[in-house]
Amino acid sequence: MLTITVCASAQQVAIKTNLLYAATTTPNIGIEVGLGKKSTAQLFYALNPWKFSDNEKLRHWSVNPEYRYWFCYRFNGSFVGIHALGGEFNMGGVKLPLGIWPSLEDHRYEGWFAGGGVSYGYQWILNKHFNLEASLGLGYAYINYKKFVCAECGELLKDTDRHYFGPTKAALSVIYLF
C-alpha cells in the first residue's frame, strides 16, 4: 500500500480590524497568533477619542483578549472562544439608531466596565493572505458609571453600577495573515 503524506504550512499571525466597530467611528486593531494546530489567542484594542461637537461624544477605549479553539484548523472555519473585555467610556449627546439607549441623547455617562463571555465564529479564506470573519459573543459585564444631566455638563444624577448579561461581542472582521 502506498501512503502519501502532504505537508502544509499554515499562517502563524493575523492582523485584523472589526468593520462593525469602525462603522461607529472607532478605530480598532487586533492581533491573533497561532498557539497550536487548532488554537489561537487574540488581543483587540479599540479607541474612540472623537468629540463631534460640544454636546456630542462617544469617547471610549476597550481591550478584548480571547482564546479560540478551531474545529478544523486555525484561521479556517468554525471556532469557539472564551473572551474578556474591559475599558472606559465618556459618552453623551448622541442619538443612536433603532432607539438603542435613548437616554444617551440627553445625558452623559462616564465610567468603566469589565467582564467576559463565550463566543462562536466562522472564518472564510479569501486568498493566501486575506480572510473574512464573523463572530458573536454572549456573557457578563460589570459596569460602574456616573450619569449626568446633559451631555457636556450638568449635575450628577446617579453614581451606580450595573450587572449586564447579554451580547458582549459582535464582529465582522477583515484579516491579513502572515
Protein backbone atom coordinates (compact mmCIF):
# COMPACT_ATOMS: atom_id res chain seq x y z
CA MET A 1 0.00 0.00 0.00
CA LEU A 2 1.30 3.44 -0.96
CA THR A 3 0.99 6.25 1.61
CA ILE A 4 1.30 9.85 0.55
CA THR A 5 1.96 12.50 3.19
CA VAL A 6 1.06 16.09 2.40
CA CYS A 7 2.61 18.83 4.48
CA ALA A 8 1.05 22.26 4.62
CA SER A 9 2.40 25.47 6.03
CA ALA A 10 -0.23 27.40 7.97
CA GLN A 11 -0.12 31.05 8.92
CA GLN A 12 1.03 31.93 12.43
CA VAL A 13 -0.05 35.56 12.87
CA ALA A 14 -3.04 37.64 11.76
CA ILE A 15 -3.69 41.39 11.90
CA LYS A 16 -7.37 42.36 11.77
CA THR A 17 -9.93 45.13 12.08
CA ASN A 18 -13.60 44.88 13.05
CA LEU A 19 -15.69 46.66 10.41
CA LEU A 20 -18.72 46.93 12.75
CA TYR A 21 -16.63 48.83 15.29
CA ALA A 22 -15.14 51.00 12.54
CA ALA A 23 -18.69 51.90 11.45
CA THR A 24 -19.13 53.64 14.83
CA THR A 25 -16.08 55.83 14.03
CA THR A 26 -13.97 53.70 16.38
CA PRO A 27 -10.50 52.81 15.06
CA ASN A 28 -9.54 49.29 16.16
CA ILE A 29 -6.86 46.71 15.60
CA GLY A 30 -6.39 43.12 16.62
CA ILE A 31 -3.58 40.62 16.51
CA GLU A 32 -4.12 36.86 16.61
CA VAL A 33 -1.36 34.29 16.98
CA GLY A 34 -1.37 30.55 16.49
CA LEU A 35 -0.77 28.54 19.66
CA GLY A 36 -1.29 25.08 18.17
CA LYS A 37 -2.88 23.40 15.17
CA LYS A 38 -6.38 24.15 16.48
CA SER A 39 -5.88 27.03 18.90
CA THR A 40 -5.16 30.76 18.74
CA ALA A 41 -5.11 33.76 21.06
CA GLN A 42 -6.10 37.24 20.01
CA LEU A 43 -5.97 40.71 21.52
CA PHE A 44 -8.19 43.51 20.22
CA TYR A 45 -7.84 47.19 21.09
CA ALA A 46 -10.25 49.98 20.17
CA LEU A 47 -10.08 53.71 20.85
CA ASN A 48 -12.66 56.35 20.03
CA PRO A 49 -11.21 59.76 21.00
CA TRP A 50 -13.69 61.82 18.97
CA LYS A 51 -15.77 64.68 20.23
CA PHE A 52 -18.24 65.54 17.46
CA SER A 53 -19.41 68.85 18.99
CA ASP A 54 -19.65 70.46 22.42
CA ASN A 55 -22.55 68.16 23.28
CA GLU A 56 -21.83 65.02 21.23
CA LYS A 57 -19.18 62.48 22.11
CA LEU A 58 -18.67 58.72 22.03
CA ARG A 59 -15.27 58.63 23.71
CA HIS A 60 -14.19 55.21 24.88
CA TRP A 61 -11.43 52.62 24.79
CA SER A 62 -11.64 48.86 25.18
CA VAL A 63 -9.40 45.84 25.22
CA ASN A 64 -10.64 42.32 24.40
CA PRO A 65 -8.38 39.25 24.77
CA GLU A 66 -9.72 35.90 23.56
CA TYR A 67 -8.64 32.25 23.42
CA ARG A 68 -10.06 30.27 20.48
CA TYR A 69 -10.43 26.58 19.69
CA TRP A 70 -10.86 25.83 15.97
CA PHE A 71 -12.85 22.78 14.83
CA CYS A 72 -10.89 22.33 11.58
CA TYR A 73 -7.55 24.13 11.90
CA ARG A 74 -6.62 27.64 12.93
CA PHE A 75 -7.74 30.56 10.76
CA ASN A 76 -10.28 28.43 8.86
CA GLY A 77 -13.90 27.52 9.51
CA SER A 78 -15.73 27.42 12.84
CA PHE A 79 -14.34 28.26 16.27
CA VAL A 80 -15.49 28.72 19.85
CA GLY A 81 -13.80 31.11 22.21
CA ILE A 82 -13.56 32.47 25.70
CA HIS A 83 -13.13 36.24 25.83
CA ALA A 84 -12.65 39.01 28.36
CA LEU A 85 -13.46 42.68 27.99
CA GLY A 86 -12.64 45.90 29.76
CA GLY A 87 -12.42 49.61 29.19
CA GLU A 88 -13.62 53.12 30.00
CA PHE A 89 -16.21 55.44 28.45
CA ASN A 90 -17.38 59.06 28.44
CA MET A 91 -20.41 59.39 26.15
CA GLY A 92 -23.34 61.72 25.73
CA GLY A 93 -25.49 63.85 23.44
CA VAL A 94 -25.74 61.14 20.78
CA LYS A 95 -28.88 59.70 19.22
CA LEU A 96 -28.20 56.07 18.37
CA PRO A 97 -30.17 54.32 15.60
CA LEU A 98 -33.10 51.95 16.23
CA GLY A 99 -33.87 53.52 19.62
CA ILE A 100 -30.80 51.97 21.22
CA TRP A 101 -30.01 53.64 24.58
CA PRO A 102 -32.43 56.58 24.17
CA SER A 103 -31.28 58.45 27.31
CA LEU A 104 -27.80 58.88 25.78
CA GLU A 105 -29.17 61.76 23.70
CA ASP A 106 -29.96 63.94 26.75
CA HIS A 107 -27.47 62.62 29.31
CA ARG A 108 -23.78 61.90 29.72
CA TYR A 109 -22.41 58.61 31.06
CA GLU A 110 -18.89 58.21 32.39
CA GLY A 111 -17.39 55.05 33.83
CA TRP A 112 -15.66 51.72 33.28
CA PHE A 113 -16.56 48.09 32.57
CA ALA A 114 -15.08 44.62 32.86
CA GLY A 115 -16.42 41.18 32.01
CA GLY A 116 -16.18 38.13 29.85
CA GLY A 117 -18.07 35.53 27.91
CA VAL A 118 -18.12 32.82 25.29
CA SER A 119 -18.12 33.31 21.55
CA TYR A 120 -18.73 31.48 18.31
CA GLY A 121 -17.46 32.49 14.90
CA TYR A 122 -16.59 31.45 11.41
CA GLN A 123 -13.68 32.47 9.20
CA TRP A 124 -13.69 32.31 5.40
CA ILE A 125 -10.44 32.09 3.43
CA LEU A 126 -10.45 34.67 0.64
CA ASN A 127 -6.92 34.04 -0.63
CA LYS A 128 -3.45 33.21 0.70
CA HIS A 129 -3.26 36.31 2.91
CA PHE A 130 -6.83 37.58 3.42
CA ASN A 131 -9.72 36.14 5.41
CA LEU A 132 -13.15 37.39 6.47
CA GLU A 133 -14.57 36.58 9.91
CA ALA A 134 -17.95 36.87 11.62
CA SER A 135 -18.32 36.26 15.35
CA LEU A 136 -20.76 36.80 18.21
CA GLY A 137 -20.27 36.58 21.96
CA LEU A 138 -22.55 36.32 24.97
CA GLY A 139 -21.54 36.94 28.54
CA TYR A 140 -21.45 39.21 31.57
CA ALA A 141 -20.13 42.72 32.21
CA TYR A 142 -19.87 44.71 35.41
CA ILE A 143 -20.40 48.40 34.61
CA ASN A 144 -19.63 51.19 37.07
CA TYR A 145 -20.82 54.60 35.90
CA LYS A 146 -21.98 58.12 36.69
CA LYS A 147 -24.96 59.67 34.91
CA PHE A 148 -25.09 63.44 34.37
CA VAL A 149 -27.97 65.77 33.39
CA CYS A 150 -26.63 66.85 29.99
CA ALA A 151 -24.02 65.66 27.52
CA GLU A 152 -21.33 68.24 28.34
CA CYS A 153 -22.03 69.46 31.85
CA GLY A 154 -24.77 69.21 34.41
CA GLU A 155 -25.32 67.86 37.85
CA LEU A 156 -24.65 64.30 38.84
CA LEU A 157 -27.90 62.29 38.74
CA LYS A 158 -26.60 58.85 39.60
CA ASP A 159 -23.40 57.13 40.73
CA THR A 160 -24.05 53.41 40.47
CA ASP A 161 -23.20 50.11 38.88
CA ARG A 162 -24.96 47.57 36.71
CA HIS A 163 -24.68 43.84 36.12
CA TYR A 164 -25.21 43.18 32.42
CA PHE A 165 -25.94 39.80 30.83
CA GLY A 166 -26.27 39.60 27.05
CA PRO A 167 -24.26 40.18 23.88
CA THR A 168 -20.67 41.12 24.70
CA LYS A 169 -19.15 40.85 21.25
CA ALA A 170 -20.13 41.34 17.60
CA ALA A 171 -17.54 41.37 14.85
CA LEU A 172 -17.27 41.32 11.09
CA SER A 173 -13.51 41.48 10.57
CA VAL A 174 -11.13 41.74 7.65
CA ILE A 175 -7.93 39.81 8.35
CA TYR A 176 -4.43 39.85 6.91
CA LEU A 177 -2.42 36.65 7.58
CA PHE A 178 1.39 36.40 7.72
